[in-house]
PDB file of N, CA and C in Angstrom:
ATOM      1  N   MET A   1      37.824 -17.836  32.807  1.00  0.00           N
ATOM      2  CA  MET A   1      36.816 -18.224  31.846  1.00  0.00           C
ATOM      3  C   MET A   1      37.263 -19.460  31.088  1.00  0.00           C
ATOM      4  N   PHE A   2      36.294 -20.283  30.806  1.00  0.00           N
ATOM      5  CA  PHE A   2      36.557 -21.488  30.053  1.00  0.00           C
ATOM      6  C   PHE A   2      35.814 -21.411  28.724  1.00  0.00           C
ATOM      7  N   PHE A   3      36.497 -21.763  27.690  1.00  0.00           N
ATOM      8  CA  PHE A   3      35.889 -21.752  26.368  1.00  0.00           C
ATOM      9  C   PHE A   3      35.833 -23.168  25.841  1.00  0.00           C
ATOM     10  N   LYS A   4      34.693 -23.513  25.318  1.00  0.00           N
ATOM     11  CA  LYS A   4      34.540 -24.831  24.726  1.00  0.00           C
ATOM     12  C   LYS A   4      34.893 -24.739  23.256  1.00  0.00           C
ATOM     13  N   LYS A   5      35.611 -25.707  22.812  1.00  0.00           N
ATOM     14  CA  LYS A   5      35.975 -25.764  21.410  1.00  0.00           C
ATOM     15  C   LYS A   5      34.740 -26.164  20.603  1.00  0.00           C
ATOM     16  N   LYS A   6      34.462 -25.400  19.561  1.00  0.00           N
ATOM     17  CA  LYS A   6      33.305 -25.707  18.735  1.00  0.00           C
ATOM     18  C   LYS A   6      33.548 -26.986  17.958  1.00  0.00           C
ATOM     19  N   LYS A   7      32.518 -27.810  17.901  1.00  0.00           N
ATOM     20  CA  LYS A   7      32.611 -29.043  17.139  1.00  0.00           C
ATOM     21  C   LYS A   7      32.383 -28.747  15.672  1.00  0.00           C
ATOM     22  N   LYS A   8      33.150 -29.365  14.855  1.00  0.00           N
ATOM     23  CA  LYS A   8      32.996 -29.220  13.419  1.00  0.00           C
ATOM     24  C   LYS A   8      31.955 -30.231  12.943  1.00  0.00           C
ATOM     25  N   ILE A   9      30.974 -29.742  12.214  1.00  0.00           N
ATOM     26  CA  ILE A   9      29.916 -30.623  11.712  1.00  0.00           C
ATOM     27  C   ILE A   9      30.036 -30.669  10.191  1.00  0.00           C
ATOM     28  N   ASP A  10      30.213 -31.859   9.675  1.00  0.00           N
ATOM     29  CA  ASP A  10      30.271 -32.043   8.231  1.00  0.00           C
ATOM     30  C   ASP A  10      28.898 -32.438   7.734  1.00  0.00           C
ATOM     31  N   PHE A  11      28.494 -31.842   6.624  1.00  0.00           N
ATOM     32  CA  PHE A  11      27.233 -32.231   6.024  1.00  0.00           C
ATOM     33  C   PHE A  11      27.336 -32.041   4.519  1.00  0.00           C
ATOM     34  N   VAL A  12      26.450 -32.698   3.833  1.00  0.00           N
ATOM     35  CA  VAL A  12      26.419 -32.642   2.389  1.00  0.00           C
ATOM     36  C   VAL A  12      25.097 -32.025   1.964  1.00  0.00           C
ATOM     37  N   ILE A  13      25.179 -31.047   1.097  1.00  0.00           N
ATOM     38  CA  ILE A  13      23.963 -30.459   0.560  1.00  0.00           C
ATOM     39  C   ILE A  13      23.513 -31.340  -0.587  1.00  0.00           C
ATOM     40  N   PRO A  14      22.277 -31.863  -0.505  1.00  0.00           N
ATOM     41  CA  PRO A  14      21.817 -32.755  -1.569  1.00  0.00           C
ATOM     42  C   PRO A  14      21.746 -32.014  -2.893  1.00  0.00           C
ATOM     43  N   GLY A  15      22.109 -32.699  -3.938  1.00  0.00           N
ATOM     44  CA  GLY A  15      22.069 -32.094  -5.262  1.00  0.00           C
ATOM     45  C   GLY A  15      22.171 -33.153  -6.328  1.00  0.00           C
ATOM     46  N   ASP A  16      22.282 -32.701  -7.521  1.00  0.00           N
ATOM     47  CA  ASP A  16      22.365 -33.595  -8.662  1.00  0.00           C
ATOM     48  C   ASP A  16      23.837 -33.823  -8.988  1.00  0.00           C
ATOM     49  N   GLU A  17      24.297 -35.055  -8.868  1.00  0.00           N
ATOM     50  CA  GLU A  17      25.699 -35.350  -9.153  1.00  0.00           C
ATOM     51  C   GLU A  17      26.036 -35.142 -10.635  1.00  0.00           C
ATOM     52  N   GLN A  18      25.012 -35.119 -11.483  1.00  0.00           N
ATOM     53  CA  GLN A  18      25.225 -34.896 -12.917  1.00  0.00           C
ATOM     54  C   GLN A  18      25.314 -33.410 -13.248  1.00  0.00           C
ATOM     55  N   ASP A  19      25.239 -32.554 -12.248  1.00  0.00           N
ATOM     56  CA  ASP A  19      25.245 -31.113 -12.446  1.00  0.00           C
ATOM     57  C   ASP A  19      26.691 -30.647 -12.576  1.00  0.00           C
ATOM     58  N   PHE A  20      27.051 -30.149 -13.743  1.00  0.00           N
ATOM     59  CA  PHE A  20      28.428 -29.770 -14.001  1.00  0.00           C
ATOM     60  C   PHE A  20      28.681 -28.273 -13.852  1.00  0.00           C
ATOM     61  N   ARG A  21      27.627 -27.468 -13.745  1.00  0.00           N
ATOM     62  CA  ARG A  21      27.820 -26.028 -13.640  1.00  0.00           C
ATOM     63  C   ARG A  21      28.116 -25.630 -12.210  1.00  0.00           C
ATOM     64  N   GLY A  22      29.109 -24.785 -12.045  1.00  0.00           N
ATOM     65  CA  GLY A  22      29.458 -24.296 -10.727  1.00  0.00           C
ATOM     66  C   GLY A  22      28.844 -22.946 -10.437  1.00  0.00           C
ATOM     67  N   ALA A  23      28.131 -22.377 -11.374  1.00  0.00           N
ATOM     68  CA  ALA A  23      27.531 -21.058 -11.198  1.00  0.00           C
ATOM     69  C   ALA A  23      26.060 -21.185 -10.818  1.00  0.00           C
ATOM     70  N   TYR A  24      25.557 -20.182 -10.108  1.00  0.00           N
ATOM     71  CA  TYR A  24      24.160 -20.160  -9.698  1.00  0.00           C
ATOM     72  C   TYR A  24      23.279 -19.997 -10.926  1.00  0.00           C
ATOM     73  N   ARG A  25      22.192 -20.724 -10.972  1.00  0.00           N
ATOM     74  CA  ARG A  25      21.294 -20.632 -12.119  1.00  0.00           C
ATOM     75  C   ARG A  25      19.912 -20.177 -11.693  1.00  0.00           C
ATOM     76  N   ILE A  26      19.195 -19.635 -12.651  1.00  0.00           N
ATOM     77  CA  ILE A  26      17.833 -19.177 -12.408  1.00  0.00           C
ATOM     78  C   ILE A  26      16.923 -19.686 -13.518  1.00  0.00           C
ATOM     79  N   LYS A  27      15.633 -19.702 -13.221  1.00  0.00           N
ATOM     80  CA  LYS A  27      14.635 -20.005 -14.239  1.00  0.00           C
ATOM     81  C   LYS A  27      14.150 -18.670 -14.785  1.00  0.00           C
ATOM     82  N   PRO A  28      14.242 -18.461 -16.080  1.00  0.00           N
ATOM     83  CA  PRO A  28      13.767 -17.199 -16.644  1.00  0.00           C
ATOM     84  C   PRO A  28      12.262 -17.035 -16.465  1.00  0.00           C
ATOM     85  N   ASP A  29      11.839 -15.795 -16.420  1.00  0.00           N
ATOM     86  CA  ASP A  29      10.414 -15.467 -16.331  1.00  0.00           C
ATOM     87  C   ASP A  29       9.741 -15.988 -17.600  1.00  0.00           C
ATOM     88  N   PRO A  30       8.687 -16.811 -17.474  1.00  0.00           N
ATOM     89  CA  PRO A  30       8.042 -17.375 -18.662  1.00  0.00           C
ATOM     90  C   PRO A  30       7.427 -16.317 -19.592  1.00  0.00           C
ATOM     91  N   THR A  31       7.135 -15.137 -19.045  1.00  0.00           N
ATOM     92  CA  THR A  31       6.587 -14.076 -19.900  1.00  0.00           C
ATOM     93  C   THR A  31       7.678 -13.365 -20.692  1.00  0.00           C
ATOM     94  N   ARG A  32       8.933 -13.557 -20.280  1.00  0.00           N
ATOM     95  CA  ARG A  32      10.083 -12.979 -20.981  1.00  0.00           C
ATOM     96  C   ARG A  32      11.158 -14.055 -21.128  1.00  0.00           C
ATOM     97  N   PRO A  33      10.927 -15.047 -21.971  1.00  0.00           N
ATOM     98  CA  PRO A  33      11.848 -16.190 -22.070  1.00  0.00           C
ATOM     99  C   PRO A  33      13.193 -15.823 -22.692  1.00  0.00           C
ATOM    100  N   ILE A  34      14.188 -16.610 -22.324  1.00  0.00           N
ATOM    101  CA  ILE A  34      15.495 -16.530 -22.967  1.00  0.00           C
ATOM    102  C   ILE A  34      15.463 -17.553 -24.088  1.00  0.00           C
ATOM    103  N   ILE A  35      15.860 -17.136 -25.283  1.00  0.00           N
ATOM    104  CA  ILE A  35      15.784 -18.004 -26.458  1.00  0.00           C
ATOM    105  C   ILE A  35      17.183 -18.375 -26.934  1.00  0.00           C
ATOM    106  N   LEU A  36      17.408 -19.685 -27.073  1.00  0.00           N
ATOM    107  CA  LEU A  36      18.647 -20.224 -27.623  1.00  0.00           C
ATOM    108  C   LEU A  36      18.362 -20.694 -29.044  1.00  0.00           C
ATOM    109  N   ASN A  37      19.116 -20.191 -30.000  1.00  0.00           N
ATOM    110  CA  ASN A  37      18.993 -20.617 -31.402  1.00  0.00           C
ATOM    111  C   ASN A  37      20.235 -21.409 -31.778  1.00  0.00           C
ATOM    112  N   ILE A  38      20.040 -22.686 -32.106  1.00  0.00           N
ATOM    113  CA  ILE A  38      21.143 -23.530 -32.575  1.00  0.00           C
ATOM    114  C   ILE A  38      20.628 -24.430 -33.693  1.00  0.00           C
ATOM    115  N   ALA A  39      21.494 -24.712 -34.619  1.00  0.00           N
ATOM    116  CA  ALA A  39      21.192 -25.635 -35.721  1.00  0.00           C
ATOM    117  C   ALA A  39      19.866 -25.304 -36.418  1.00  0.00           C
ATOM    118  N   GLY A  40      19.566 -24.018 -36.548  1.00  0.00           N
ATOM    119  CA  GLY A  40      18.344 -23.603 -37.229  1.00  0.00           C
ATOM    120  C   GLY A  40      17.072 -23.749 -36.418  1.00  0.00           C
ATOM    121  N   ASN A  41      17.177 -24.095 -35.149  1.00  0.00           N
ATOM    122  CA  ASN A  41      16.015 -24.264 -34.274  1.00  0.00           C
ATOM    123  C   ASN A  41      16.090 -23.299 -33.094  1.00  0.00           C
ATOM    124  N   SER A  42      14.930 -22.902 -32.591  1.00  0.00           N
ATOM    125  CA  SER A  42      14.842 -22.020 -31.421  1.00  0.00           C
ATOM    126  C   SER A  42      14.299 -22.797 -30.236  1.00  0.00           C
ATOM    127  N   TYR A  43      14.923 -22.585 -29.074  1.00  0.00           N
ATOM    128  CA  TYR A  43      14.519 -23.273 -27.855  1.00  0.00           C
ATOM    129  C   TYR A  43      14.389 -22.278 -26.716  1.00  0.00           C
ATOM    130  N   GLN A  44      13.352 -22.457 -25.918  1.00  0.00           N
ATOM    131  CA  GLN A  44      13.182 -21.653 -24.722  1.00  0.00           C
ATOM    132  C   GLN A  44      14.039 -22.278 -23.639  1.00  0.00           C
ATOM    133  N   VAL A  45      14.901 -21.487 -23.012  1.00  0.00           N
ATOM    134  CA  VAL A  45      15.815 -21.973 -21.992  1.00  0.00           C
ATOM    135  C   VAL A  45      15.041 -22.301 -20.713  1.00  0.00           C
ATOM    136  N   VAL A  46      15.296 -23.486 -20.144  1.00  0.00           N
ATOM    137  CA  VAL A  46      14.637 -23.929 -18.916  1.00  0.00           C
ATOM    138  C   VAL A  46      15.278 -23.241 -17.710  1.00  0.00           C
ATOM    139  N   ASN A  47      16.614 -23.218 -17.677  1.00  0.00           N
ATOM    140  CA  ASN A  47      17.345 -22.467 -16.663  1.00  0.00           C
ATOM    141  C   ASN A  47      18.677 -22.042 -17.249  1.00  0.00           C
ATOM    142  N   ILE A  48      19.292 -21.045 -16.603  1.00  0.00           N
ATOM    143  CA  ILE A  48      20.524 -20.484 -17.159  1.00  0.00           C
ATOM    144  C   ILE A  48      21.416 -19.978 -16.042  1.00  0.00           C
ATOM    145  N   SER A  49      22.718 -20.023 -16.283  1.00  0.00           N
ATOM    146  CA  SER A  49      23.713 -19.442 -15.392  1.00  0.00           C
ATOM    147  C   SER A  49      24.717 -18.722 -16.279  1.00  0.00           C
ATOM    148  N   GLY A  50      25.736 -18.182 -15.684  1.00  0.00           N
ATOM    149  CA  GLY A  50      26.756 -17.508 -16.467  1.00  0.00           C
ATOM    150  C   GLY A  50      27.641 -18.460 -17.249  1.00  0.00           C
ATOM    151  N   THR A  51      27.537 -19.755 -16.955  1.00  0.00           N
ATOM    152  CA  THR A  51      28.421 -20.726 -17.606  1.00  0.00           C
ATOM    153  C   THR A  51      27.694 -21.774 -18.442  1.00  0.00           C
ATOM    154  N   GLY A  52      26.360 -21.791 -18.392  1.00  0.00           N
ATOM    155  CA  GLY A  52      25.638 -22.796 -19.166  1.00  0.00           C
ATOM    156  C   GLY A  52      24.134 -22.614 -19.088  1.00  0.00           C
ATOM    157  N   CYS A  53      23.441 -23.502 -19.778  1.00  0.00           N
ATOM    158  CA  CYS A  53      21.978 -23.438 -19.789  1.00  0.00           C
ATOM    159  C   CYS A  53      21.412 -24.845 -19.977  1.00  0.00           C
ATOM    160  N   CYS A  54      20.112 -24.923 -19.847  1.00  0.00           N
ATOM    161  CA  CYS A  54      19.399 -26.181 -20.035  1.00  0.00           C
ATOM    162  C   CYS A  54      18.190 -25.890 -20.913  1.00  0.00           C
ATOM    163  N   PHE A  55      17.946 -26.747 -21.895  1.00  0.00           N
ATOM    164  CA  PHE A  55      16.768 -26.602 -22.740  1.00  0.00           C
ATOM    165  C   PHE A  55      16.238 -27.986 -23.081  1.00  0.00           C
ATOM    166  N   ARG A  56      15.023 -28.037 -23.601  1.00  0.00           N
ATOM    167  CA  ARG A  56      14.379 -29.316 -23.907  1.00  0.00           C
ATOM    168  C   ARG A  56      14.449 -29.612 -25.404  1.00  0.00           C
ATOM    169  N   SER A  57      15.007 -30.776 -25.727  1.00  0.00           N
ATOM    170  CA  SER A  57      15.047 -31.243 -27.111  1.00  0.00           C
ATOM    171  C   SER A  57      15.513 -32.691 -27.140  1.00  0.00           C
ATOM    172  N   HIS A  58      14.957 -33.465 -28.052  1.00  0.00           N
ATOM    173  CA  HIS A  58      15.413 -34.841 -28.256  1.00  0.00           C
ATOM    174  C   HIS A  58      16.459 -34.900 -29.373  1.00  0.00           C
ATOM    175  N   ASN A  59      16.759 -33.779 -30.000  1.00  0.00           N
ATOM    176  CA  ASN A  59      17.598 -33.754 -31.195  1.00  0.00           C
ATOM    177  C   ASN A  59      19.100 -33.853 -30.970  1.00  0.00           C
ATOM    178  N   TYR A  60      19.583 -33.603 -29.758  1.00  0.00           N
ATOM    179  CA  TYR A  60      21.019 -33.480 -29.559  1.00  0.00           C
ATOM    180  C   TYR A  60      21.540 -34.482 -28.536  1.00  0.00           C
ATOM    181  N   PRO A  61      22.510 -35.286 -28.908  1.00  0.00           N
ATOM    182  CA  PRO A  61      23.082 -36.268 -27.969  1.00  0.00           C
ATOM    183  C   PRO A  61      24.125 -35.608 -27.062  1.00  0.00           C
ATOM    184  N   GLN A  62      24.474 -36.299 -26.003  1.00  0.00           N
ATOM    185  CA  GLN A  62      25.541 -35.830 -25.122  1.00  0.00           C
ATOM    186  C   GLN A  62      26.817 -35.689 -25.943  1.00  0.00           C
ATOM    187  N   GLY A  63      27.538 -34.593 -25.740  1.00  0.00           N
ATOM    188  CA  GLY A  63      28.769 -34.329 -26.477  1.00  0.00           C
ATOM    189  C   GLY A  63      28.569 -33.449 -27.701  1.00  0.00           C
ATOM    190  N   TYR A  64      27.322 -33.276 -28.123  1.00  0.00           N
ATOM    191  CA  TYR A  64      27.025 -32.447 -29.294  1.00  0.00           C
ATOM    192  C   TYR A  64      27.454 -31.008 -29.029  1.00  0.00           C
ATOM    193  N   GLN A  65      28.084 -30.404 -30.026  1.00  0.00           N
ATOM    194  CA  GLN A  65      28.535 -29.017 -29.910  1.00  0.00           C
ATOM    195  C   GLN A  65      28.009 -28.233 -31.100  1.00  0.00           C
ATOM    196  N   ALA A  66      27.490 -27.025 -30.840  1.00  0.00           N
ATOM    197  CA  ALA A  66      26.923 -26.215 -31.912  1.00  0.00           C
ATOM    198  C   ALA A  66      27.115 -24.739 -31.624  1.00  0.00           C
ATOM    199  N   THR A  67      27.243 -23.966 -32.685  1.00  0.00           N
ATOM    200  CA  THR A  67      27.279 -22.518 -32.542  1.00  0.00           C
ATOM    201  C   THR A  67      25.863 -21.993 -32.724  1.00  0.00           C
ATOM    202  N   GLY A  68      25.588 -20.881 -32.121  1.00  0.00           N
ATOM    203  CA  GLY A  68      24.264 -20.292 -32.223  1.00  0.00           C
ATOM    204  C   GLY A  68      24.231 -18.926 -31.585  1.00  0.00           C
ATOM    205  N   THR A  69      23.037 -18.508 -31.199  1.00  0.00           N
ATOM    206  CA  THR A  69      22.864 -17.224 -30.526  1.00  0.00           C
ATOM    207  C   THR A  69      21.967 -17.408 -29.308  1.00  0.00           C
ATOM    208  N   LEU A  70      22.114 -16.491 -28.377  1.00  0.00           N
ATOM    209  CA  LEU A  70      21.301 -16.473 -27.178  1.00  0.00           C
ATOM    210  C   LEU A  70      20.711 -15.080 -27.052  1.00  0.00           C
ATOM    211  N   LYS A  71      19.401 -15.019 -26.795  1.00  0.00           N
ATOM    212  CA  LYS A  71      18.728 -13.727 -26.659  1.00  0.00           C
ATOM    213  C   LYS A  71      18.221 -13.576 -25.234  1.00  0.00           C
ATOM    214  N   ILE A  72      18.683 -12.509 -24.575  1.00  0.00           N
ATOM    215  CA  ILE A  72      18.224 -12.168 -23.239  1.00  0.00           C
ATOM    216  C   ILE A  72      17.235 -11.017 -23.402  1.00  0.00           C
ATOM    217  N   PRO A  73      15.946 -11.272 -23.226  1.00  0.00           N
ATOM    218  CA  PRO A  73      14.943 -10.253 -23.526  1.00  0.00           C
ATOM    219  C   PRO A  73      14.962  -9.035 -22.612  1.00  0.00           C
ATOM    220  N   SER A  74      15.303  -9.221 -21.346  1.00  0.00           N
ATOM    221  CA  SER A  74      15.269  -8.088 -20.433  1.00  0.00           C
ATOM    222  C   SER A  74      16.334  -7.057 -20.785  1.00  0.00           C
ATOM    223  N   GLU A  75      17.383  -7.506 -21.416  1.00  0.00           N
ATOM    224  CA  GLU A  75      18.459  -6.611 -21.824  1.00  0.00           C
ATOM    225  C   GLU A  75      18.421  -6.331 -23.323  1.00  0.00           C
ATOM    226  N   ASP A  76      17.519  -6.991 -24.033  1.00  0.00           N
ATOM    227  CA  ASP A  76      17.453  -6.920 -25.493  1.00  0.00           C
ATOM    228  C   ASP A  76      18.817  -7.186 -26.121  1.00  0.00           C
ATOM    229  N   LEU A  77      19.489  -8.201 -25.601  1.00  0.00           N
ATOM    230  CA  LEU A  77      20.808  -8.590 -26.101  1.00  0.00           C
ATOM    231  C   LEU A  77      20.709  -9.893 -26.870  1.00  0.00           C
ATOM    232  N   ILE A  78      21.397  -9.937 -27.987  1.00  0.00           N
ATOM    233  CA  ILE A  78      21.555 -11.177 -28.742  1.00  0.00           C
ATOM    234  C   ILE A  78      23.048 -11.320 -28.969  1.00  0.00           C
ATOM    235  N   PHE A  79      23.609 -12.460 -28.572  1.00  0.00           N
ATOM    236  CA  PHE A  79      25.044 -12.640 -28.781  1.00  0.00           C
ATOM    237  C   PHE A  79      25.354 -14.059 -29.229  1.00  0.00           C
ATOM    238  N   PRO A  80      26.433 -14.188 -30.003  1.00  0.00           N
ATOM    239  CA  PRO A  80      26.845 -15.508 -30.484  1.00  0.00           C
ATOM    240  C   PRO A  80      27.554 -16.299 -29.386  1.00  0.00           C
ATOM    241  N   LEU A  81      27.423 -17.610 -29.471  1.00  0.00           N
ATOM    242  CA  LEU A  81      28.106 -18.489 -28.532  1.00  0.00           C
ATOM    243  C   LEU A  81      28.168 -19.894 -29.090  1.00  0.00           C
ATOM    244  N   THR A  82      28.914 -20.723 -28.421  1.00  0.00           N
ATOM    245  CA  THR A  82      28.966 -22.144 -28.744  1.00  0.00           C
ATOM    246  C   THR A  82      28.558 -22.905 -27.498  1.00  0.00           C
ATOM    247  N   VAL A  83      27.649 -23.851 -27.660  1.00  0.00           N
ATOM    248  CA  VAL A  83      27.205 -24.673 -26.531  1.00  0.00           C
ATOM    249  C   VAL A  83      27.619 -26.120 -26.771  1.00  0.00           C
ATOM    250  N   GLN A  84      27.858 -26.809 -25.669  1.00  0.00           N
ATOM    251  CA  GLN A  84      28.165 -28.233 -25.734  1.00  0.00           C
ATOM    252  C   GLN A  84      27.253 -28.949 -24.753  1.00  0.00           C
ATOM    253  N   VAL A  85      26.566 -29.979 -25.234  1.00  0.00           N
ATOM    254  CA  VAL A  85      25.684 -30.771 -24.376  1.00  0.00           C
ATOM    255  C   VAL A  85      26.578 -31.660 -23.510  1.00  0.00           C
ATOM    256  N   VAL A  86      26.586 -31.377 -22.194  1.00  0.00           N
ATOM    257  CA  VAL A  86      27.436 -32.158 -21.287  1.00  0.00           C
ATOM    258  C   VAL A  86      26.669 -33.271 -20.598  1.00  0.00           C
ATOM    259  N   SER A  87      25.351 -33.160 -20.592  1.00  0.00           N
ATOM    260  CA  SER A  87      24.534 -34.176 -19.942  1.00  0.00           C
ATOM    261  C   SER A  87      23.162 -34.192 -20.597  1.00  0.00           C
ATOM    262  N   LYS A  88      22.614 -35.380 -20.713  1.00  0.00           N
ATOM    263  CA  LYS A  88      21.296 -35.543 -21.326  1.00  0.00           C
ATOM    264  C   LYS A  88      20.451 -36.403 -20.412  1.00  0.00           C
ATOM    265  N   GLN A  89      19.268 -35.916 -20.075  1.00  0.00           N
ATOM    266  CA  GLN A  89      18.335 -36.680 -19.257  1.00  0.00           C
ATOM    267  C   GLN A  89      16.976 -36.575 -19.924  1.00  0.00           C
ATOM    268  N   ARG A  90      16.530 -37.672 -20.516  1.00  0.00           N
ATOM    269  CA  ARG A  90      15.324 -37.685 -21.351  1.00  0.00           C
ATOM    270  C   ARG A  90      15.434 -36.580 -22.407  1.00  0.00           C
ATOM    271  N   ASP A  91      14.589 -35.544 -22.325  1.00  0.00           N
ATOM    272  CA  ASP A  91      14.658 -34.482 -23.328  1.00  0.00           C
ATOM    273  C   ASP A  91      15.387 -33.235 -22.822  1.00  0.00           C
ATOM    274  N   LEU A  92      15.963 -33.284 -21.618  1.00  0.00           N
ATOM    275  CA  LEU A  92      16.701 -32.144 -21.079  1.00  0.00           C
ATOM    276  C   LEU A  92      18.149 -32.168 -21.542  1.00  0.00           C
ATOM    277  N   CYS A  93      18.551 -31.142 -22.226  1.00  0.00           N
ATOM    278  CA  CYS A  93      19.941 -30.983 -22.654  1.00  0.00           C
ATOM    279  C   CYS A  93      20.603 -29.982 -21.727  1.00  0.00           C
ATOM    280  N   ARG A  94      21.530 -30.459 -20.918  1.00  0.00           N
ATOM    281  CA  ARG A  94      22.284 -29.578 -20.024  1.00  0.00           C
ATOM    282  C   ARG A  94      23.569 -29.208 -20.744  1.00  0.00           C
ATOM    283  N   CYS A  95      23.754 -27.923 -20.944  1.00  0.00           N
ATOM    284  CA  CYS A  95      24.859 -27.445 -21.777  1.00  0.00           C
ATOM    285  C   CYS A  95      25.773 -26.496 -21.026  1.00  0.00           C
ATOM    286  N   GLN A  96      27.005 -26.458 -21.490  1.00  0.00           N
ATOM    287  CA  GLN A  96      27.937 -25.444 -21.019  1.00  0.00           C
ATOM    288  C   GLN A  96      28.294 -24.572 -22.206  1.00  0.00           C
ATOM    289  N   PHE A  97      28.586 -23.314 -21.925  1.00  0.00           N
ATOM    290  CA  PHE A  97      29.024 -22.414 -22.977  1.00  0.00           C
ATOM    291  C   PHE A  97      30.516 -22.626 -23.162  1.00  0.00           C
ATOM    292  N   SER A  98      30.917 -23.034 -24.360  1.00  0.00           N
ATOM    293  CA  SER A  98      32.341 -23.276 -24.588  1.00  0.00           C
ATOM    294  C   SER A  98      33.011 -22.098 -25.282  1.00  0.00           C
ATOM    295  N   LYS A  99      32.271 -21.330 -26.042  1.00  0.00           N
ATOM    296  CA  LYS A  99      32.810 -20.120 -26.664  1.00  0.00           C
ATOM    297  C   LYS A  99      31.791 -19.013 -26.464  1.00  0.00           C
ATOM    298  N   ILE A 100      32.179 -18.042 -25.635  1.00  0.00           N
ATOM    299  CA  ILE A 100      31.292 -16.922 -25.331  1.00  0.00           C
ATOM    300  C   ILE A 100      32.178 -15.722 -25.025  1.00  0.00           C
ATOM    301  N   SER A 101      31.789 -14.560 -25.511  1.00  0.00           N
ATOM    302  CA  SER A 101      32.595 -13.362 -25.290  1.00  0.00           C
ATOM    303  C   SER A 101      32.516 -12.941 -23.822  1.00  0.00           C
ATOM    304  N   GLN A 102      33.505 -12.213 -23.379  1.00  0.00           N
ATOM    305  CA  GLN A 102      33.517 -11.726 -22.002  1.00  0.00           C
ATOM    306  C   GLN A 102      32.343 -10.789 -21.756  1.00  0.00           C
ATOM    307  N   GLN A 103      32.000  -9.972 -22.749  1.00  0.00           N
ATOM    308  CA  GLN A 103      30.858  -9.060 -22.634  1.00  0.00           C
ATOM    309  C   GLN A 103      29.557  -9.843 -22.443  1.00  0.00           C
ATOM    310  N   ALA A 104      29.387 -10.905 -23.214  1.00  0.00           N
ATOM    311  CA  ALA A 104      28.181 -11.727 -23.104  1.00  0.00           C
ATOM    312  C   ALA A 104      28.132 -12.433 -21.752  1.00  0.00           C
ATOM    313  N   GLU A 105      29.258 -12.957 -21.306  1.00  0.00           N
ATOM    314  CA  GLU A 105      29.304 -13.635 -20.013  1.00  0.00           C
ATOM    315  C   GLU A 105      28.986 -12.666 -18.880  1.00  0.00           C
ATOM    316  N   ASP A 106      29.520 -11.454 -18.959  1.00  0.00           N
ATOM    317  CA  ASP A 106      29.227 -10.433 -17.951  1.00  0.00           C
ATOM    318  C   ASP A 106      27.738 -10.082 -17.952  1.00  0.00           C
ATOM    319  N   ALA A 107      27.151  -9.981 -19.151  1.00  0.00           N
ATOM    320  CA  ALA A 107      25.716  -9.676 -19.269  1.00  0.00           C
ATOM    321  C   ALA A 107      24.873 -10.794 -18.656  1.00  0.00           C
ATOM    322  N   LEU A 108      25.282 -12.037 -18.863  1.00  0.00           N
ATOM    323  CA  LEU A 108      24.561 -13.177 -18.273  1.00  0.00           C
ATOM    324  C   LEU A 108      24.634 -13.157 -16.746  1.00  0.00           C
ATOM    325  N   HIS A 109      25.829 -12.922 -16.213  1.00  0.00           N
ATOM    326  CA  HIS A 109      25.978 -12.868 -14.759  1.00  0.00           C
ATOM    327  C   HIS A 109      25.142 -11.724 -14.181  1.00  0.00           C
ATOM    328  N   ALA A 110      25.123 -10.582 -14.852  1.00  0.00           N
ATOM    329  CA  ALA A 110      24.314  -9.445 -14.396  1.00  0.00           C
ATOM    330  C   ALA A 110      22.831  -9.784 -14.438  1.00  0.00           C
ATOM    331  N   TYR A 111      22.401 -10.462 -15.493  1.00  0.00           N
ATOM    332  CA  TYR A 111      20.996 -10.874 -15.623  1.00  0.00           C
ATOM    333  C   TYR A 111      20.608 -11.814 -14.482  1.00  0.00           C
ATOM    334  N   VAL A 112      21.435 -12.821 -14.228  1.00  0.00           N
ATOM    335  CA  VAL A 112      21.156 -13.786 -13.162  1.00  0.00           C
ATOM    336  C   VAL A 112      21.085 -13.072 -11.808  1.00  0.00           C
ATOM    337  N   LEU A 113      22.007 -12.158 -11.555  1.00  0.00           N
ATOM    338  CA  LEU A 113      22.010 -11.415 -10.302  1.00  0.00           C
ATOM    339  C   LEU A 113      20.760 -10.550 -10.174  1.00  0.00           C
ATOM    340  N   ASP A 114      20.349  -9.884 -11.242  1.00  0.00           N
ATOM    341  CA  ASP A 114      19.138  -9.057 -11.208  1.00  0.00           C
ATOM    342  C   ASP A 114      17.897  -9.893 -10.910  1.00  0.00           C
ATOM    343  N   VAL A 115      17.809 -11.074 -11.514  1.00  0.00           N
ATOM    344  CA  VAL A 115      16.656 -11.946 -11.260  1.00  0.00           C
ATOM    345  C   VAL A 115      16.668 -12.425  -9.808  1.00  0.00           C
ATOM    346  N   GLN A 116      17.844 -12.762  -9.289  1.00  0.00           N
ATOM    347  CA  GLN A 116      17.956 -13.174  -7.890  1.00  0.00           C
ATOM    348  C   GLN A 116      17.474 -12.054  -6.966  1.00  0.00           C
ATOM    349  N   LYS A 117      17.936 -10.850  -7.200  1.00  0.00           N
ATOM    350  CA  LYS A 117      17.549  -9.705  -6.371  1.00  0.00           C
ATOM    351  C   LYS A 117      16.043  -9.482  -6.432  1.00  0.00           C
ATOM    352  N   SER A 118      15.491  -9.563  -7.625  1.00  0.00           N
ATOM    353  CA  SER A 118      14.060  -9.365  -7.797  1.00  0.00           C
ATOM    354  C   SER A 118      13.256 -10.412  -7.034  1.00  0.00           C
ATOM    355  N   LYS A 119      13.693 -11.668  -7.102  1.00  0.00           N
ATOM    356  CA  LYS A 119      12.992 -12.738  -6.382  1.00  0.00           C
ATOM    357  C   LYS A 119      13.091 -12.558  -4.875  1.00  0.00           C
ATOM    358  N   LEU A 120      14.234 -12.088  -4.396  1.00  0.00           N
ATOM    359  CA  LEU A 120      14.396 -11.850  -2.954  1.00  0.00           C
ATOM    360  C   LEU A 120      13.499 -10.706  -2.489  1.00  0.00           C
ATOM    361  N   ARG A 121      13.387  -9.660  -3.300  1.00  0.00           N
ATOM    362  CA  ARG A 121      12.534  -8.528  -2.935  1.00  0.00           C
ATOM    363  C   ARG A 121      11.074  -8.929  -2.881  1.00  0.00           C
ATOM    364  N   ASN A 122      10.667  -9.805  -3.791  1.00  0.00           N
ATOM    365  CA  ASN A 122       9.262 -10.195  -3.894  1.00  0.00           C
ATOM    366  C   ASN A 122       8.902 -11.381  -3.005  1.00  0.00           C
ATOM    367  N   HIS A 123       9.877 -11.948  -2.359  1.00  0.00           N
ATOM    368  CA  HIS A 123       9.639 -13.144  -1.550  1.00  0.00           C
ATOM    369  C   HIS A 123       9.194 -12.799  -0.182  1.00  0.00           C
TER     370      HIS A 123
END
């Protein structure tokens, strides 16, 4: 028997080079939004992962850091955290969580996984 050596194919998955999060993100259900409260203002999260989130605001420049709270409605959880704006594109603030408890991070990862499973079941 003769076996052919498999050819290695290199390819690049297109993406946003400005994307700093290495975790999978989801868009929250608009009927049950995730709310980020920082600097006395509330923002509906555009997308979220276990390591960061994105929200719309013209108020915060790149590098801005603030403490606040995040509310996950499906779990009825509210927890404190610190976010840092790592990238700004028009009114989109892409943030990473710089101070977040392990319990909160675990809850976020569980939430993201549950939403993924739900979307796969309904797809």
